[in-house]
Amino acid sequence: MPDIPQWASQALSEVYDPCCREKGISVVEMGLVRSVEVDEGRARVELLLTSGWCPFATRVLTEVRDRIEEQPGIREAEVEVVWDEAWTVDRLSPRAARLLRFLPAPAQVPDKEAYIRRELR
């Protein structure tokens, strides 16, 4: 996964997929931001969607654009959904995975009971 500039991660840390807003999980923690590039004050942001049928896509794209355009040195931002890569739970931050209760495959956890107890704390 490409690195997202720190300023962009901070700017987008309070932009939420509406389905995860109540849990306080940002688009960054969801792993929806694939890349952010800037050239002469023009930012280009690539986003993945958790589902191609997301009814909130327009809202998320608008919020991401607005937040990026508020940043110093950015005069314009273009935000696109990319379709050549599917979003998977592997993109979740550890915190987001814990809050959403996504657990690894059982074969990946040698001591399953200890893992579950730790995750549920």
PDB file of N, CA and C in Angstrom:
ATOM      1  N   MET A   1       0.857  -1.178   0.000  1.00  0.00           N
ATOM      2  CA  MET A   1       0.000   0.000   0.000  1.00  0.00           C
ATOM      3  C   MET A   1       0.900   1.237   0.000  1.00  0.00           C
ATOM      4  N   PRO A   2       0.664   2.189  -0.905  1.00  0.00           N
ATOM      5  CA  PRO A   2       1.507   3.384  -0.956  1.00  0.00           C
ATOM      6  C   PRO A   2       1.359   4.223   0.315  1.00  0.00           C
ATOM      7  N   ASP A   3       2.418   4.948   0.612  1.00  0.00           N
ATOM      8  CA  ASP A   3       2.360   5.853   1.757  1.00  0.00           C
ATOM      9  C   ASP A   3       1.489   7.052   1.418  1.00  0.00           C
ATOM     10  N   ILE A   4       0.726   7.468   2.391  1.00  0.00           N
ATOM     11  CA  ILE A   4      -0.089   8.666   2.254  1.00  0.00           C
ATOM     12  C   ILE A   4       0.642   9.751   3.037  1.00  0.00           C
ATOM     13  N   PRO A   5       0.850  10.926   2.440  1.00  0.00           N
ATOM     14  CA  PRO A   5       1.557  11.979   3.183  1.00  0.00           C
ATOM     15  C   PRO A   5       0.895  12.243   4.538  1.00  0.00           C
ATOM     16  N   GLN A   6       1.711  12.508   5.523  1.00  0.00           N
ATOM     17  CA  GLN A   6       1.217  12.725   6.889  1.00  0.00           C
ATOM     18  C   GLN A   6       0.176  13.837   6.945  1.00  0.00           C
ATOM     19  N   TRP A   7       0.408  14.921   6.223  1.00  0.00           N
ATOM     20  CA  TRP A   7      -0.548  16.037   6.239  1.00  0.00           C
ATOM     21  C   TRP A   7      -1.906  15.585   5.711  1.00  0.00           C
ATOM     22  N   ALA A   8      -1.900  14.710   4.702  1.00  0.00           N
ATOM     23  CA  ALA A   8      -3.161  14.222   4.142  1.00  0.00           C
ATOM     24  C   ALA A   8      -3.856  13.275   5.118  1.00  0.00           C
ATOM     25  N   SER A   9      -3.093  12.407   5.763  1.00  0.00           N
ATOM     26  CA  SER A   9      -3.677  11.511   6.773  1.00  0.00           C
ATOM     27  C   SER A   9      -4.322  12.314   7.891  1.00  0.00           C
ATOM     28  N   GLN A  10      -3.627  13.354   8.341  1.00  0.00           N
ATOM     29  CA  GLN A  10      -4.189  14.199   9.404  1.00  0.00           C
ATOM     30  C   GLN A  10      -5.437  14.918   8.917  1.00  0.00           C
ATOM     31  N   ALA A  11      -5.392  15.435   7.704  1.00  0.00           N
ATOM     32  CA  ALA A  11      -6.541  16.174   7.163  1.00  0.00           C
ATOM     33  C   ALA A  11      -7.760  15.270   7.011  1.00  0.00           C
ATOM     34  N   LEU A  12      -7.536  14.015   6.687  1.00  0.00           N
ATOM     35  CA  LEU A  12      -8.644  13.090   6.442  1.00  0.00           C
ATOM     36  C   LEU A  12      -9.010  12.241   7.655  1.00  0.00           C
ATOM     37  N   SER A  13      -8.335  12.472   8.770  1.00  0.00           N
ATOM     38  CA  SER A  13      -8.580  11.647   9.962  1.00  0.00           C
ATOM     39  C   SER A  13      -9.951  11.883  10.590  1.00  0.00           C
ATOM     40  N   GLU A  14     -10.651  12.924  10.168  1.00  0.00           N
ATOM     41  CA  GLU A  14     -12.000  13.163  10.679  1.00  0.00           C
ATOM     42  C   GLU A  14     -13.042  13.123   9.571  1.00  0.00           C
ATOM     43  N   VAL A  15     -12.689  12.491   8.459  1.00  0.00           N
ATOM     44  CA  VAL A  15     -13.652  12.227   7.395  1.00  0.00           C
ATOM     45  C   VAL A  15     -14.057  10.764   7.560  1.00  0.00           C
ATOM     46  N   TYR A  16     -15.340  10.533   7.662  1.00  0.00           N
ATOM     47  CA  TYR A  16     -15.831   9.193   7.975  1.00  0.00           C
ATOM     48  C   TYR A  16     -16.706   8.633   6.870  1.00  0.00           C
ATOM     49  N   ASP A  17     -16.544   7.343   6.643  1.00  0.00           N
ATOM     50  CA  ASP A  17     -17.531   6.618   5.863  1.00  0.00           C
ATOM     51  C   ASP A  17     -18.764   6.621   6.764  1.00  0.00           C
ATOM     52  N   PRO A  18     -19.911   7.073   6.274  1.00  0.00           N
ATOM     53  CA  PRO A  18     -21.084   7.166   7.151  1.00  0.00           C
ATOM     54  C   PRO A  18     -21.426   5.866   7.870  1.00  0.00           C
ATOM     55  N   CYS A  19     -21.071   4.736   7.299  1.00  0.00           N
ATOM     56  CA  CYS A  19     -21.355   3.452   7.952  1.00  0.00           C
ATOM     57  C   CYS A  19     -20.480   3.225   9.189  1.00  0.00           C
ATOM     58  N   CYS A  20     -19.384   3.971   9.311  1.00  0.00           N
ATOM     59  CA  CYS A  20     -18.468   3.775  10.445  1.00  0.00           C
ATOM     60  C   CYS A  20     -18.340   5.007  11.327  1.00  0.00           C
ATOM     61  N   ARG A  21     -19.115   6.035  11.037  1.00  0.00           N
ATOM     62  CA  ARG A  21     -19.029   7.277  11.809  1.00  0.00           C
ATOM     63  C   ARG A  21     -19.283   7.048  13.297  1.00  0.00           C
ATOM     64  N   GLU A  22     -20.295   6.238  13.625  1.00  0.00           N
ATOM     65  CA  GLU A  22     -20.643   6.042  15.040  1.00  0.00           C
ATOM     66  C   GLU A  22     -19.529   5.342  15.808  1.00  0.00           C
ATOM     67  N   LYS A  23     -18.655   4.639  15.121  1.00  0.00           N
ATOM     68  CA  LYS A  23     -17.520   3.994  15.779  1.00  0.00           C
ATOM     69  C   LYS A  23     -16.265   4.870  15.730  1.00  0.00           C
ATOM     70  N   GLY A  24     -16.350   6.021  15.040  1.00  0.00           N
ATOM     71  CA  GLY A  24     -15.213   6.931  14.969  1.00  0.00           C
ATOM     72  C   GLY A  24     -14.077   6.414  14.118  1.00  0.00           C
ATOM     73  N   ILE A  25     -14.408   5.687  13.048  1.00  0.00           N
ATOM     74  CA  ILE A  25     -13.381   5.123  12.171  1.00  0.00           C
ATOM     75  C   ILE A  25     -13.326   5.961  10.893  1.00  0.00           C
ATOM     76  N   SER A  26     -12.180   6.598  10.679  1.00  0.00           N
ATOM     77  CA  SER A  26     -12.025   7.502   9.531  1.00  0.00           C
ATOM     78  C   SER A  26     -11.779   6.729   8.237  1.00  0.00           C
ATOM     79  N   VAL A  27     -11.859   7.452   7.130  1.00  0.00           N
ATOM     80  CA  VAL A  27     -11.557   6.836   5.835  1.00  0.00           C
ATOM     81  C   VAL A  27     -10.105   6.374   5.778  1.00  0.00           C
ATOM     82  N   VAL A  28      -9.228   7.037   6.529  1.00  0.00           N
ATOM     83  CA  VAL A  28      -7.825   6.622   6.587  1.00  0.00           C
ATOM     84  C   VAL A  28      -7.725   5.284   7.304  1.00  0.00           C
ATOM     85  N   GLU A  29      -8.363   5.164   8.462  1.00  0.00           N
ATOM     86  CA  GLU A  29      -8.318   3.907   9.219  1.00  0.00           C
ATOM     87  C   GLU A  29      -9.028   2.768   8.500  1.00  0.00           C
ATOM     88  N   MET A  30     -10.026   3.101   7.697  1.00  0.00           N
ATOM     89  CA  MET A  30     -10.718   2.082   6.911  1.00  0.00           C
ATOM     90  C   MET A  30      -9.853   1.593   5.752  1.00  0.00           C
ATOM     91  N   GLY A  31      -8.814   2.352   5.427  1.00  0.00           N
ATOM     92  CA  GLY A  31      -7.967   1.976   4.297  1.00  0.00           C
ATOM     93  C   GLY A  31      -8.591   2.338   2.965  1.00  0.00           C
ATOM     94  N   LEU A  32      -9.461   3.339   2.979  1.00  0.00           N
ATOM     95  CA  LEU A  32     -10.126   3.751   1.743  1.00  0.00           C
ATOM     96  C   LEU A  32      -9.266   4.680   0.892  1.00  0.00           C
ATOM     97  N   VAL A  33      -8.271   5.326   1.511  1.00  0.00           N
ATOM     98  CA  VAL A  33      -7.405   6.255   0.774  1.00  0.00           C
ATOM     99  C   VAL A  33      -6.254   5.450   0.178  1.00  0.00           C
ATOM    100  N   ARG A  34      -6.251   5.335  -1.142  1.00  0.00           N
ATOM    101  CA  ARG A  34      -5.186   4.572  -1.796  1.00  0.00           C
ATOM    102  C   ARG A  34      -3.954   5.432  -2.031  1.00  0.00           C
ATOM    103  N   SER A  35      -4.154   6.679  -2.474  1.00  0.00           N
ATOM    104  CA  SER A  35      -2.991   7.532  -2.714  1.00  0.00           C
ATOM    105  C   SER A  35      -3.395   8.995  -2.683  1.00  0.00           C
ATOM    106  N   VAL A  36      -2.402   9.833  -2.400  1.00  0.00           N
ATOM    107  CA  VAL A  36      -2.554  11.291  -2.459  1.00  0.00           C
ATOM    108  C   VAL A  36      -1.280  11.824  -3.105  1.00  0.00           C
ATOM    109  N   GLU A  37      -1.447  12.522  -4.223  1.00  0.00           N
ATOM    110  CA  GLU A  37      -0.308  13.116  -4.912  1.00  0.00           C
ATOM    111  C   GLU A  37      -0.605  14.589  -5.157  1.00  0.00           C
ATOM    112  N   VAL A  38       0.428  15.408  -5.071  1.00  0.00           N
ATOM    113  CA  VAL A  38       0.258  16.841  -5.301  1.00  0.00           C
ATOM    114  C   VAL A  38       1.267  17.296  -6.342  1.00  0.00           C
ATOM    115  N   ASP A  39       0.785  18.084  -7.300  1.00  0.00           N
ATOM    116  CA  ASP A  39       1.642  18.672  -8.325  1.00  0.00           C
ATOM    117  C   ASP A  39       1.210  20.115  -8.522  1.00  0.00           C
ATOM    118  N   GLU A  40       2.097  21.033  -8.164  1.00  0.00           N
ATOM    119  CA  GLU A  40       1.858  22.470  -8.319  1.00  0.00           C
ATOM    120  C   GLU A  40       0.521  22.916  -7.737  1.00  0.00           C
ATOM    121  N   GLY A  41       0.258  22.501  -6.518  1.00  0.00           N
ATOM    122  CA  GLY A  41      -0.954  22.933  -5.816  1.00  0.00           C
ATOM    123  C   GLY A  41      -2.214  22.164  -6.168  1.00  0.00           C
ATOM    124  N   ARG A  42      -2.089  21.206  -7.058  1.00  0.00           N
ATOM    125  CA  ARG A  42      -3.249  20.398  -7.446  1.00  0.00           C
ATOM    126  C   ARG A  42      -3.082  18.999  -6.860  1.00  0.00           C
ATOM    127  N   ALA A  43      -4.027  18.620  -6.016  1.00  0.00           N
ATOM    128  CA  ALA A  43      -3.976  17.306  -5.366  1.00  0.00           C
ATOM    129  C   ALA A  43      -4.849  16.318  -6.124  1.00  0.00           C
ATOM    130  N   ARG A  44      -4.385  15.093  -6.167  1.00  0.00           N
ATOM    131  CA  ARG A  44      -5.165  14.006  -6.739  1.00  0.00           C
ATOM    132  C   ARG A  44      -5.232  12.913  -5.686  1.00  0.00           C
ATOM    133  N   VAL A  45      -6.456  12.551  -5.305  1.00  0.00           N
ATOM    134  CA  VAL A  45      -6.682  11.545  -4.277  1.00  0.00           C
ATOM    135  C   VAL A  45      -7.404  10.370  -4.912  1.00  0.00           C
ATOM    136  N   GLU A  46      -6.898   9.177  -4.654  1.00  0.00           N
ATOM    137  CA  GLU A  46      -7.556   7.964  -5.114  1.00  0.00           C
ATOM    138  C   GLU A  46      -8.165   7.258  -3.916  1.00  0.00           C
ATOM    139  N   LEU A  47      -9.432   6.910  -4.049  1.00  0.00           N
ATOM    140  CA  LEU A  47     -10.152   6.218  -2.982  1.00  0.00           C
ATOM    141  C   LEU A  47     -10.657   4.874  -3.476  1.00  0.00           C
ATOM    142  N   LEU A  48     -10.714   3.939  -2.551  1.00  0.00           N
ATOM    143  CA  LEU A  48     -11.381   2.665  -2.771  1.00  0.00           C
ATOM    144  C   LEU A  48     -12.697   2.727  -2.012  1.00  0.00           C
ATOM    145  N   LEU A  49     -13.658   1.967  -2.442  1.00  0.00           N
ATOM    146  CA  LEU A  49     -14.917   1.848  -1.711  1.00  0.00           C
ATOM    147  C   LEU A  49     -15.023   0.440  -1.137  1.00  0.00           C
ATOM    148  N   THR A  50     -15.660   0.317   0.003  1.00  0.00           N
ATOM    149  CA  THR A  50     -15.861  -1.011   0.571  1.00  0.00           C
ATOM    150  C   THR A  50     -16.811  -1.821  -0.290  1.00  0.00           C
ATOM    151  N   SER A  51     -17.661  -1.127  -1.029  1.00  0.00           N
ATOM    152  CA  SER A  51     -18.613  -1.783  -1.923  1.00  0.00           C
ATOM    153  C   SER A  51     -18.870  -0.864  -3.111  1.00  0.00           C
ATOM    154  N   GLY A  52     -18.969  -1.445  -4.282  1.00  0.00           N
ATOM    155  CA  GLY A  52     -19.293  -0.661  -5.467  1.00  0.00           C
ATOM    156  C   GLY A  52     -20.702  -0.085  -5.410  1.00  0.00           C
ATOM    157  N   TRP A  53     -21.492  -0.569  -4.480  1.00  0.00           N
ATOM    158  CA  TRP A  53     -22.880  -0.116  -4.342  1.00  0.00           C
ATOM    159  C   TRP A  53     -23.054   0.874  -3.196  1.00  0.00           C
ATOM    160  N   CYS A  54     -21.962   1.414  -2.691  1.00  0.00           N
ATOM    161  CA  CYS A  54     -22.027   2.322  -1.546  1.00  0.00           C
ATOM    162  C   CYS A  54     -22.930   3.518  -1.857  1.00  0.00           C
ATOM    163  N   PRO A  55     -24.027   3.679  -1.099  1.00  0.00           N
ATOM    164  CA  PRO A  55     -24.919   4.802  -1.356  1.00  0.00           C
ATOM    165  C   PRO A  55     -24.357   6.147  -0.892  1.00  0.00           C
ATOM    166  N   PHE A  56     -23.249   6.110  -0.153  1.00  0.00           N
ATOM    167  CA  PHE A  56     -22.682   7.336   0.409  1.00  0.00           C
ATOM    168  C   PHE A  56     -21.424   7.794  -0.326  1.00  0.00           C
ATOM    169  N   ALA A  57     -21.104   7.176  -1.449  1.00  0.00           N
ATOM    170  CA  ALA A  57     -19.850   7.476  -2.147  1.00  0.00           C
ATOM    171  C   ALA A  57     -19.713   8.959  -2.470  1.00  0.00           C
ATOM    172  N   THR A  58     -20.760   9.574  -2.985  1.00  0.00           N
ATOM    173  CA  THR A  58     -20.686  10.986  -3.363  1.00  0.00           C
ATOM    174  C   THR A  58     -20.374  11.849  -2.150  1.00  0.00           C
ATOM    175  N   ARG A  59     -20.999  11.550  -1.043  1.00  0.00           N
ATOM    176  CA  ARG A  59     -20.773  12.321   0.178  1.00  0.00           C
ATOM    177  C   ARG A  59     -19.322  12.197   0.637  1.00  0.00           C
ATOM    178  N   VAL A  60     -18.795  10.980   0.633  1.00  0.00           N
ATOM    179  CA  VAL A  60     -17.414  10.763   1.068  1.00  0.00           C
ATOM    180  C   VAL A  60     -16.443  11.472   0.135  1.00  0.00           C
ATOM    181  N   LEU A  61     -16.646  11.357  -1.173  1.00  0.00           N
ATOM    182  CA  LEU A  61     -15.765  12.024  -2.129  1.00  0.00           C
ATOM    183  C   LEU A  61     -15.770  13.538  -1.927  1.00  0.00           C
ATOM    184  N   THR A  62     -16.945  14.105  -1.686  1.00  0.00           N
ATOM    185  CA  THR A  62     -17.051  15.548  -1.469  1.00  0.00           C
ATOM    186  C   THR A  62     -16.328  15.964  -0.194  1.00  0.00           C
ATOM    187  N   GLU A  63     -16.510  15.211   0.883  1.00  0.00           N
ATOM    188  CA  GLU A  63     -15.839  15.547   2.148  1.00  0.00           C
ATOM    189  C   GLU A  63     -14.328  15.444   2.018  1.00  0.00           C
ATOM    190  N   VAL A  64     -13.852  14.407   1.330  1.00  0.00           N
ATOM    191  CA  VAL A  64     -12.407  14.256   1.129  1.00  0.00           C
ATOM    192  C   VAL A  64     -11.875  15.437   0.322  1.00  0.00           C
ATOM    193  N   ARG A  65     -12.542  15.788  -0.770  1.00  0.00           N
ATOM    194  CA  ARG A  65     -12.103  16.921  -1.601  1.00  0.00           C
ATOM    195  C   ARG A  65     -12.054  18.208  -0.771  1.00  0.00           C
ATOM    196  N   ASP A  66     -13.128  18.480  -0.042  1.00  0.00           N
ATOM    197  CA  ASP A  66     -13.187  19.708   0.754  1.00  0.00           C
ATOM    198  C   ASP A  66     -12.063  19.760   1.780  1.00  0.00           C
ATOM    199  N   ARG A  67     -11.804  18.650   2.456  1.00  0.00           N
ATOM    200  CA  ARG A  67     -10.767  18.619   3.491  1.00  0.00           C
ATOM    201  C   ARG A  67      -9.381  18.830   2.889  1.00  0.00           C
ATOM    202  N   ILE A  68      -9.125  18.210   1.749  1.00  0.00           N
ATOM    203  CA  ILE A  68      -7.814  18.375   1.105  1.00  0.00           C
ATOM    204  C   ILE A  68      -7.640  19.806   0.607  1.00  0.00           C
ATOM    205  N   GLU A  69      -8.700  20.382   0.042  1.00  0.00           N
ATOM    206  CA  GLU A  69      -8.605  21.758  -0.468  1.00  0.00           C
ATOM    207  C   GLU A  69      -8.416  22.784   0.638  1.00  0.00           C
ATOM    208  N   GLU A  70      -8.704  22.444   1.872  1.00  0.00           N
ATOM    209  CA  GLU A  70      -8.490  23.357   3.008  1.00  0.00           C
ATOM    210  C   GLU A  70      -7.020  23.417   3.429  1.00  0.00           C
ATOM    211  N   GLN A  71      -6.198  22.521   2.897  1.00  0.00           N
ATOM    212  CA  GLN A  71      -4.812  22.423   3.350  1.00  0.00           C
ATOM    213  C   GLN A  71      -3.932  23.478   2.684  1.00  0.00           C
ATOM    214  N   PRO A  72      -2.930  23.975   3.423  1.00  0.00           N
ATOM    215  CA  PRO A  72      -2.017  24.981   2.870  1.00  0.00           C
ATOM    216  C   PRO A  72      -1.338  24.469   1.603  1.00  0.00           C
ATOM    217  N   GLY A  73      -1.272  25.336   0.612  1.00  0.00           N
ATOM    218  CA  GLY A  73      -0.588  25.000  -0.628  1.00  0.00           C
ATOM    219  C   GLY A  73      -1.434  24.234  -1.630  1.00  0.00           C
ATOM    220  N   ILE A  74      -2.652  23.889  -1.255  1.00  0.00           N
ATOM    221  CA  ILE A  74      -3.534  23.156  -2.167  1.00  0.00           C
ATOM    222  C   ILE A  74      -4.574  24.132  -2.701  1.00  0.00           C
ATOM    223  N   ARG A  75      -4.620  24.291  -3.999  1.00  0.00           N
ATOM    224  CA  ARG A  75      -5.610  25.194  -4.592  1.00  0.00           C
ATOM    225  C   ARG A  75      -6.776  24.441  -5.214  1.00  0.00           C
ATOM    226  N   GLU A  76      -6.552  23.161  -5.491  1.00  0.00           N
ATOM    227  CA  GLU A  76      -7.604  22.351  -6.116  1.00  0.00           C
ATOM    228  C   GLU A  76      -7.350  20.880  -5.798  1.00  0.00           C
ATOM    229  N   ALA A  77      -8.434  20.125  -5.622  1.00  0.00           N
ATOM    230  CA  ALA A  77      -8.295  18.692  -5.370  1.00  0.00           C
ATOM    231  C   ALA A  77      -9.277  17.921  -6.243  1.00  0.00           C
ATOM    232  N   GLU A  78      -8.781  16.837  -6.773  1.00  0.00           N
ATOM    233  CA  GLU A  78      -9.588  15.916  -7.560  1.00  0.00           C
ATOM    234  C   GLU A  78      -9.599  14.590  -6.794  1.00  0.00           C
ATOM    235  N   VAL A  79     -10.789  14.054  -6.575  1.00  0.00           N
ATOM    236  CA  VAL A  79     -10.921  12.795  -5.839  1.00  0.00           C
ATOM    237  C   VAL A  79     -11.629  11.801  -6.743  1.00  0.00           C
ATOM    238  N   GLU A  80     -11.004  10.663  -6.898  1.00  0.00           N
ATOM    239  CA  GLU A  80     -11.552   9.625  -7.773  1.00  0.00           C
ATOM    240  C   GLU A  80     -11.684   8.311  -7.043  1.00  0.00           C
ATOM    241  N   VAL A  81     -12.715   7.565  -7.382  1.00  0.00           N
ATOM    242  CA  VAL A  81     -12.824   6.182  -6.940  1.00  0.00           C
ATOM    243  C   VAL A  81     -12.080   5.353  -7.969  1.00  0.00           C
ATOM    244  N   VAL A  82     -11.221   4.475  -7.497  1.00  0.00           N
ATOM    245  CA  VAL A  82     -10.496   3.593  -8.408  1.00  0.00           C
ATOM    246  C   VAL A  82     -11.137   2.212  -8.373  1.00  0.00           C
ATOM    247  N   TRP A  83     -11.176   1.586  -9.508  1.00  0.00           N
ATOM    248  CA  TRP A  83     -11.867   0.298  -9.635  1.00  0.00           C
ATOM    249  C   TRP A  83     -10.917  -0.844  -9.947  1.00  0.00           C
ATOM    250  N   ASP A  84      -9.623  -0.549 -10.102  1.00  0.00           N
ATOM    251  CA  ASP A  84      -8.679  -1.606 -10.466  1.00  0.00           C
ATOM    252  C   ASP A  84      -8.138  -2.363  -9.251  1.00  0.00           C
ATOM    253  N   GLU A  85      -8.584  -1.989  -8.077  1.00  0.00           N
ATOM    254  CA  GLU A  85      -8.177  -2.673  -6.845  1.00  0.00           C
ATOM    255  C   GLU A  85      -9.400  -2.782  -5.950  1.00  0.00           C
ATOM    256  N   ALA A  86      -9.640  -3.958  -5.451  1.00  0.00           N
ATOM    257  CA  ALA A  86     -10.772  -4.154  -4.543  1.00  0.00           C
ATOM    258  C   ALA A  86     -10.338  -3.858  -3.112  1.00  0.00           C
ATOM    259  N   TRP A  87     -11.223  -3.227  -2.366  1.00  0.00           N
ATOM    260  CA  TRP A  87     -10.969  -3.012  -0.945  1.00  0.00           C
ATOM    261  C   TRP A  87     -11.128  -4.350  -0.237  1.00  0.00           C
ATOM    262  N   THR A  88     -10.235  -4.626   0.702  1.00  0.00           N
ATOM    263  CA  THR A  88     -10.344  -5.830   1.535  1.00  0.00           C
ATOM    264  C   THR A  88     -10.094  -5.441   2.982  1.00  0.00           C
ATOM    265  N   VAL A  89     -10.464  -6.303   3.889  1.00  0.00           N
ATOM    266  CA  VAL A  89     -10.283  -6.016   5.318  1.00  0.00           C
ATOM    267  C   VAL A  89      -8.809  -5.897   5.683  1.00  0.00           C
ATOM    268  N   ASP A  90      -7.911  -6.372   4.830  1.00  0.00           N
ATOM    269  CA  ASP A  90      -6.474  -6.219   5.086  1.00  0.00           C
ATOM    270  C   ASP A  90      -6.058  -4.756   5.118  1.00  0.00           C
ATOM    271  N   ARG A  91      -6.856  -3.881   4.544  1.00  0.00           N
ATOM    272  CA  ARG A  91      -6.535  -2.455   4.503  1.00  0.00           C
ATOM    273  C   ARG A  91      -6.907  -1.737   5.810  1.00  0.00           C
ATOM    274  N   LEU A  92      -7.677  -2.370   6.665  1.00  0.00           N
ATOM    275  CA  LEU A  92      -8.090  -1.753   7.929  1.00  0.00           C
ATOM    276  C   LEU A  92      -6.895  -1.531   8.840  1.00  0.00           C
ATOM    277  N   SER A  93      -6.910  -0.430   9.579  1.00  0.00           N
ATOM    278  CA  SER A  93      -5.902  -0.239  10.617  1.00  0.00           C
ATOM    279  C   SER A  93      -6.198  -1.261  11.722  1.00  0.00           C
ATOM    280  N   PRO A  94      -5.217  -1.567  12.569  1.00  0.00           N
ATOM    281  CA  PRO A  94      -5.487  -2.499  13.671  1.00  0.00           C
ATOM    282  C   PRO A  94      -6.651  -2.027  14.560  1.00  0.00           C
ATOM    283  N   ARG A  95      -6.714  -0.730  14.813  1.00  0.00           N
ATOM    284  CA  ARG A  95      -7.800  -0.199  15.634  1.00  0.00           C
ATOM    285  C   ARG A  95      -9.156  -0.414  14.965  1.00  0.00           C
ATOM    286  N   ALA A  96      -9.241  -0.115  13.666  1.00  0.00           N
ATOM    287  CA  ALA A  96     -10.503  -0.293  12.943  1.00  0.00           C
ATOM    288  C   ALA A  96     -10.917  -1.761  12.924  1.00  0.00           C
ATOM    289  N   ALA A  97      -9.962  -2.651  12.693  1.00  0.00           N
ATOM    290  CA  ALA A  97     -10.279  -4.087  12.683  1.00  0.00           C
ATOM    291  C   ALA A  97     -10.804  -4.522  14.048  1.00  0.00           C
ATOM    292  N   ARG A  98     -10.200  -4.004  15.100  1.00  0.00           N
ATOM    293  CA  ARG A  98     -10.637  -4.350  16.456  1.00  0.00           C
ATOM    294  C   ARG A  98     -12.051  -3.819  16.710  1.00  0.00           C
ATOM    295  N   LEU A  99     -12.298  -2.564  16.330  1.00  0.00           N
ATOM    296  CA  LEU A  99     -13.616  -1.980  16.555  1.00  0.00           C
ATOM    297  C   LEU A  99     -14.706  -2.656  15.730  1.00  0.00           C
ATOM    298  N   LEU A 100     -14.336  -3.106  14.543  1.00  0.00           N
ATOM    299  CA  LEU A 100     -15.304  -3.773  13.679  1.00  0.00           C
ATOM    300  C   LEU A 100     -15.344  -5.279  13.922  1.00  0.00           C
ATOM    301  N   ARG A 101     -14.456  -5.751  14.796  1.00  0.00           N
ATOM    302  CA  ARG A 101     -14.387  -7.163  15.184  1.00  0.00           C
ATOM    303  C   ARG A 101     -14.029  -8.088  14.026  1.00  0.00           C
ATOM    304  N   PHE A 102     -13.195  -7.598  13.097  1.00  0.00           N
ATOM    305  CA  PHE A 102     -12.689  -8.473  12.045  1.00  0.00           C
ATOM    306  C   PHE A 102     -11.548  -9.274  12.650  1.00  0.00           C
ATOM    307  N   LEU A 103     -11.677 -10.549  12.628  1.00  0.00           N
ATOM    308  CA  LEU A 103     -10.657 -11.425  13.181  1.00  0.00           C
ATOM    309  C   LEU A 103      -9.923 -12.111  12.029  1.00  0.00           C
ATOM    310  N   PRO A 104      -8.650 -12.450  12.246  1.00  0.00           N
ATOM    311  CA  PRO A 104      -7.928 -13.175  11.199  1.00  0.00           C
ATOM    312  C   PRO A 104      -8.503 -14.582  11.044  1.00  0.00           C
ATOM    313  N   ALA A 105      -8.136 -15.222   9.943  1.00  0.00           N
ATOM    314  CA  ALA A 105      -8.567 -16.604   9.730  1.00  0.00           C
ATOM    315  C   ALA A 105      -8.069 -17.468  10.875  1.00  0.00           C
ATOM    316  N   PRO A 106      -8.865 -18.425  11.343  1.00  0.00           N
ATOM    317  CA  PRO A 106      -8.449 -19.265  12.475  1.00  0.00           C
ATOM    318  C   PRO A 106      -7.078 -19.903  12.295  1.00  0.00           C
ATOM    319  N   ALA A 107      -6.739 -20.305  11.092  1.00  0.00           N
ATOM    320  CA  ALA A 107      -5.438 -20.940  10.865  1.00  0.00           C
ATOM    321  C   ALA A 107      -4.278 -19.988  11.103  1.00  0.00           C
ATOM    322  N   GLN A 108      -4.526 -18.681  11.093  1.00  0.00           N
ATOM    323  CA  GLN A 108      -3.467 -17.695  11.300  1.00  0.00           C
ATOM    324  C   GLN A 108      -3.227 -17.388  12.770  1.00  0.00           C
ATOM    325  N   VAL A 109      -4.034 -17.951  13.649  1.00  0.00           N
ATOM    326  CA  VAL A 109      -3.931 -17.647  15.078  1.00  0.00           C
ATOM    327  C   VAL A 109      -3.606 -18.937  15.836  1.00  0.00           C
ATOM    328  N   PRO A 110      -2.347 -19.088  16.295  1.00  0.00           N
ATOM    329  CA  PRO A 110      -1.976 -20.327  16.981  1.00  0.00           C
ATOM    330  C   PRO A 110      -2.742 -20.547  18.282  1.00  0.00           C
ATOM    331  N   ASP A 111      -2.930 -19.504  19.082  1.00  0.00           N
ATOM    332  CA  ASP A 111      -3.668 -19.624  20.343  1.00  0.00           C
ATOM    333  C   ASP A 111      -4.936 -18.779  20.202  1.00  0.00           C
ATOM    334  N   LYS A 112      -5.952 -19.365  19.611  1.00  0.00           N
ATOM    335  CA  LYS A 112      -7.179 -18.635  19.280  1.00  0.00           C
ATOM    336  C   LYS A 112      -7.862 -18.031  20.504  1.00  0.00           C
ATOM    337  N   GLU A 113      -7.937 -18.777  21.581  1.00  0.00           N
ATOM    338  CA  GLU A 113      -8.626 -18.287  22.781  1.00  0.00           C
ATOM    339  C   GLU A 113      -7.929 -17.059  23.357  1.00  0.00           C
ATOM    340  N   ALA A 114      -6.606 -17.062  23.416  1.00  0.00           N
ATOM    341  CA  ALA A 114      -5.862 -15.902  23.923  1.00  0.00           C
ATOM    342  C   ALA A 114      -6.066 -14.705  23.001  1.00  0.00           C
ATOM    343  N   TYR A 115      -6.076 -14.941  21.703  1.00  0.00           N
ATOM    344  CA  TYR A 115      -6.281 -13.851  20.747  1.00  0.00           C
ATOM    345  C   TYR A 115      -7.644 -13.220  20.937  1.00  0.00           C
ATOM    346  N   ILE A 116      -8.662 -14.034  21.046  1.00  0.00           N
ATOM    347  CA  ILE A 116     -10.024 -13.520  21.206  1.00  0.00           C
ATOM    348  C   ILE A 116     -10.148 -12.743  22.517  1.00  0.00           C
ATOM    349  N   ARG A 117      -9.598 -13.263  23.603  1.00  0.00           N
ATOM    350  CA  ARG A 117      -9.659 -12.538  24.883  1.00  0.00           C
ATOM    351  C   ARG A 117      -8.976 -11.175  24.755  1.00  0.00           C
ATOM    352  N   ARG A 118      -7.828 -11.124  24.089  1.00  0.00           N
ATOM    353  CA  ARG A 118      -7.086  -9.866  23.923  1.00  0.00           C
ATOM    354  C   ARG A 118      -7.885  -8.879  23.077  1.00  0.00           C
ATOM    355  N   GLU A 119      -8.492  -9.348  21.993  1.00  0.00           N
ATOM    356  CA  GLU A 119      -9.246  -8.473  21.102  1.00  0.00           C
ATOM    357  C   GLU A 119     -10.522  -7.934  21.743  1.00  0.00           C
ATOM    358  N   LEU A 120     -11.107  -8.657  22.637  1.00  0.00           N
ATOM    359  CA  LEU A 120     -12.368  -8.236  23.246  1.00  0.00           C
ATOM    360  C   LEU A 120     -12.167  -7.284  24.420  1.00  0.00           C
ATOM    361  N   ARG A 121     -10.934  -7.042  24.818  1.00  0.00           N
ATOM    362  CA  ARG A 121     -10.690  -6.097  25.915  1.00  0.00           C
ATOM    363  C   ARG A 121     -10.977  -4.701  25.526  1.00  0.00           C
TER     364      ARG A 121
END
